[in-house]
């Protein structure tokens, strides 16, 4: 009732309950800011978009290498 303990392997972190509650409130306030609230969606979209662009460029590159036989030796 006086502290929050976090176990990770052999390491143990102990935070007083008051500090943990304060950090929790800070975390809640940060999540109300749209940039932080939408970060996971934005990141997933950016990764998806980068993968789509990479696949399109790779497909075009492969097609050009296969079909430009005039330029091949």
N, C-alpha and C. Protein backbone atom coordinates (compact mmCIF):
# COMPACT_ATOMS: atom_id res chain seq x y z
N UNK A 1 0.81 -1.21 0.00
CA UNK A 1 0.00 0.00 0.00
C UNK A 1 0.85 1.27 0.00
N UNK A 2 2.19 1.11 0.15
CA UNK A 2 3.05 2.30 0.23
C UNK A 2 3.91 2.50 -1.01
N UNK A 3 4.03 1.47 -1.84
CA UNK A 3 4.92 1.58 -2.99
C UNK A 3 4.44 0.65 -4.10
N UNK A 4 4.99 0.92 -5.29
CA UNK A 4 4.74 0.07 -6.44
C UNK A 4 6.08 -0.55 -6.81
N UNK A 5 6.10 -1.87 -6.96
CA UNK A 5 7.34 -2.57 -7.29
C UNK A 5 7.22 -3.17 -8.68
N UNK A 6 8.32 -3.07 -9.44
CA UNK A 6 8.37 -3.62 -10.79
C UNK A 6 9.54 -4.60 -10.85
N UNK A 7 9.24 -5.83 -11.21
CA UNK A 7 10.26 -6.87 -11.32
C UNK A 7 10.55 -7.12 -12.80
N UNK A 8 11.81 -7.07 -13.17
CA UNK A 8 12.23 -7.36 -14.54
C UNK A 8 13.49 -8.22 -14.45
N UNK A 9 13.31 -9.53 -14.56
CA UNK A 9 14.45 -10.44 -14.39
C UNK A 9 14.92 -10.40 -12.96
N UNK A 10 16.17 -10.02 -12.78
CA UNK A 10 16.71 -9.94 -11.43
C UNK A 10 16.68 -8.50 -10.89
N UNK A 11 16.24 -7.55 -11.71
CA UNK A 11 16.17 -6.16 -11.28
C UNK A 11 14.81 -5.86 -10.65
N UNK A 12 14.84 -5.04 -9.61
CA UNK A 12 13.61 -4.63 -8.93
C UNK A 12 13.62 -3.12 -8.80
N UNK A 13 12.54 -2.48 -9.29
CA UNK A 13 12.37 -1.04 -9.12
C UNK A 13 11.24 -0.81 -8.14
N UNK A 14 11.47 0.14 -7.23
CA UNK A 14 10.45 0.45 -6.22
C UNK A 14 10.17 1.95 -6.27
N UNK A 15 8.90 2.30 -6.50
CA UNK A 15 8.49 3.70 -6.52
C UNK A 15 7.50 3.96 -5.40
N UNK A 16 7.68 5.06 -4.69
CA UNK A 16 6.65 5.41 -3.69
C UNK A 16 5.31 5.62 -4.39
N UNK A 17 4.25 5.30 -3.73
CA UNK A 17 2.91 5.36 -4.33
C UNK A 17 2.57 6.77 -4.81
N UNK A 18 2.98 7.80 -4.07
CA UNK A 18 2.68 9.18 -4.47
C UNK A 18 3.34 9.52 -5.80
N UNK A 19 4.60 9.11 -5.95
CA UNK A 19 5.32 9.40 -7.20
C UNK A 19 4.70 8.63 -8.36
N UNK A 20 4.33 7.37 -8.12
CA UNK A 20 3.71 6.57 -9.18
C UNK A 20 2.40 7.22 -9.64
N UNK A 21 1.58 7.70 -8.69
CA UNK A 21 0.32 8.35 -9.04
C UNK A 21 0.57 9.64 -9.83
N UNK A 22 1.61 10.39 -9.45
CA UNK A 22 1.94 11.62 -10.17
C UNK A 22 2.37 11.29 -11.60
N UNK A 23 3.21 10.28 -11.78
CA UNK A 23 3.66 9.90 -13.11
C UNK A 23 2.48 9.37 -13.94
N UNK A 24 1.56 8.68 -13.30
CA UNK A 24 0.38 8.20 -14.00
C UNK A 24 -0.46 9.36 -14.49
N UNK A 25 -0.62 10.40 -13.69
CA UNK A 25 -1.37 11.58 -14.11
C UNK A 25 -0.69 12.29 -15.27
N UNK A 26 0.65 12.37 -15.23
CA UNK A 26 1.40 12.96 -16.34
C UNK A 26 1.16 12.16 -17.61
N UNK A 27 1.19 10.85 -17.48
CA UNK A 27 0.97 9.97 -18.63
C UNK A 27 -0.42 10.20 -19.22
N UNK A 28 -1.44 10.31 -18.39
CA UNK A 28 -2.81 10.55 -18.86
C UNK A 28 -2.91 11.91 -19.58
N UNK A 29 -2.22 12.93 -19.04
CA UNK A 29 -2.25 14.25 -19.67
C UNK A 29 -1.56 14.21 -21.03
N UNK A 30 -0.46 13.49 -21.13
CA UNK A 30 0.24 13.38 -22.41
C UNK A 30 -0.63 12.70 -23.46
N UNK A 31 -1.38 11.69 -23.06
CA UNK A 31 -2.22 10.96 -24.02
C UNK A 31 -3.39 11.80 -24.52
N UNK A 32 -3.70 12.88 -23.86
CA UNK A 32 -4.76 13.78 -24.33
C UNK A 32 -4.27 14.67 -25.48
N UNK A 33 -2.95 14.78 -25.64
CA UNK A 33 -2.38 15.56 -26.74
C UNK A 33 -2.48 14.70 -28.00
N UNK A 34 -3.08 15.22 -29.07
CA UNK A 34 -3.33 14.40 -30.26
C UNK A 34 -2.10 13.71 -30.84
N UNK A 35 -0.95 14.36 -30.82
CA UNK A 35 0.26 13.75 -31.39
C UNK A 35 0.57 12.44 -30.68
N UNK A 36 0.47 12.43 -29.36
CA UNK A 36 0.77 11.23 -28.61
C UNK A 36 -0.37 10.21 -28.67
N UNK A 37 -1.60 10.70 -28.71
CA UNK A 37 -2.75 9.80 -28.75
C UNK A 37 -2.82 9.03 -30.07
N UNK A 38 -2.43 9.68 -31.16
CA UNK A 38 -2.54 9.08 -32.48
C UNK A 38 -1.24 8.48 -33.00
N UNK A 39 -0.19 8.47 -32.16
CA UNK A 39 1.13 8.04 -32.62
C UNK A 39 1.13 6.63 -33.17
N UNK A 40 0.48 5.68 -32.50
CA UNK A 40 0.50 4.29 -32.96
C UNK A 40 -0.17 4.14 -34.33
N UNK A 41 -1.28 4.85 -34.53
CA UNK A 41 -1.96 4.80 -35.83
C UNK A 41 -1.08 5.41 -36.91
N UNK A 42 -0.48 6.56 -36.62
CA UNK A 42 0.37 7.22 -37.60
C UNK A 42 1.57 6.36 -37.95
N UNK A 43 2.17 5.75 -36.93
CA UNK A 43 3.36 4.93 -37.18
C UNK A 43 3.00 3.73 -38.06
N UNK A 44 1.89 3.07 -37.73
CA UNK A 44 1.47 1.91 -38.52
C UNK A 44 1.20 2.34 -39.97
N UNK A 45 0.56 3.47 -40.17
CA UNK A 45 0.28 3.96 -41.52
C UNK A 45 1.57 4.27 -42.26
N UNK A 46 2.51 4.92 -41.60
CA UNK A 46 3.77 5.27 -42.26
C UNK A 46 4.56 4.04 -42.67
N UNK A 47 4.59 3.02 -41.80
CA UNK A 47 5.29 1.78 -42.13
C UNK A 47 4.61 1.10 -43.31
N UNK A 48 3.27 1.05 -43.30
CA UNK A 48 2.53 0.44 -44.40
C UNK A 48 2.81 1.18 -45.71
N UNK A 49 2.76 2.50 -45.65
CA UNK A 49 2.98 3.31 -46.85
C UNK A 49 4.39 3.12 -47.40
N UNK A 50 5.38 3.08 -46.53
CA UNK A 50 6.76 2.87 -46.97
C UNK A 50 6.91 1.49 -47.63
N UNK A 51 6.27 0.48 -47.07
CA UNK A 51 6.34 -0.86 -47.66
C UNK A 51 5.67 -0.90 -49.03
N UNK A 52 4.53 -0.24 -49.18
CA UNK A 52 3.84 -0.21 -50.48
C UNK A 52 4.71 0.48 -51.51
N UNK A 53 5.28 1.60 -51.15
CA UNK A 53 6.15 2.33 -52.09
C UNK A 53 7.36 1.48 -52.47
N UNK A 54 7.96 0.82 -51.52
CA UNK A 54 9.14 -0.01 -51.80
C UNK A 54 8.77 -1.15 -52.75
N UNK A 55 7.64 -1.80 -52.51
CA UNK A 55 7.22 -2.91 -53.38
C UNK A 55 6.93 -2.42 -54.80
N UNK A 56 6.30 -1.26 -54.94
CA UNK A 56 6.02 -0.72 -56.27
C UNK A 56 7.31 -0.41 -57.02
N UNK A 57 8.24 0.21 -56.34
CA UNK A 57 9.52 0.56 -56.98
C UNK A 57 10.27 -0.71 -57.35
N UNK A 58 10.28 -1.70 -56.48
CA UNK A 58 10.97 -2.96 -56.77
C UNK A 58 10.35 -3.66 -57.98
N UNK A 59 9.02 -3.66 -58.06
CA UNK A 59 8.33 -4.29 -59.18
C UNK A 59 8.66 -3.57 -60.49
N UNK A 60 8.65 -2.26 -60.48
CA UNK A 60 8.99 -1.49 -61.68
C UNK A 60 10.45 -1.72 -62.08
N UNK A 61 11.34 -1.74 -61.13
CA UNK A 61 12.75 -1.95 -61.40
C UNK A 61 12.97 -3.32 -62.05
N UNK A 62 12.32 -4.35 -61.49
CA UNK A 62 12.45 -5.70 -62.03
C UNK A 62 11.88 -5.78 -63.44
N UNK A 63 10.74 -5.13 -63.66
CA UNK A 63 10.12 -5.12 -64.98
C UNK A 63 11.01 -4.45 -66.00
N UNK A 64 11.61 -3.33 -65.63
CA UNK A 64 12.50 -2.64 -66.56
C UNK A 64 13.74 -3.47 -66.88
N UNK A 65 14.30 -4.13 -65.89
CA UNK A 65 15.49 -4.95 -66.12
C UNK A 65 15.18 -6.13 -67.05
N UNK A 66 13.99 -6.70 -66.92
CA UNK A 66 13.62 -7.85 -67.74
C UNK A 66 13.20 -7.45 -69.15
N UNK A 67 12.57 -6.29 -69.32
CA UNK A 67 12.00 -5.93 -70.61
C UNK A 67 12.85 -4.97 -71.45
N UNK A 68 13.89 -4.44 -70.93
CA UNK A 68 14.75 -3.55 -71.71
C UNK A 68 15.91 -4.37 -72.27
N UNK A 69 15.59 -5.35 -73.09
CA UNK A 69 16.62 -6.24 -73.64
C UNK A 69 17.53 -5.53 -74.63
N UNK A 70 17.10 -4.39 -75.20
CA UNK A 70 17.92 -3.64 -76.14
C UNK A 70 19.17 -3.11 -75.43
N UNK A 71 19.03 -2.75 -74.19
CA UNK A 71 20.16 -2.19 -73.45
C UNK A 71 21.07 -3.26 -72.85
N UNK A 72 20.64 -4.51 -72.84
CA UNK A 72 21.48 -5.57 -72.31
C UNK A 72 22.57 -5.92 -73.33
N UNK A 73 23.70 -6.34 -72.87
CA UNK A 73 24.83 -6.66 -73.76
C UNK A 73 24.58 -7.89 -74.58
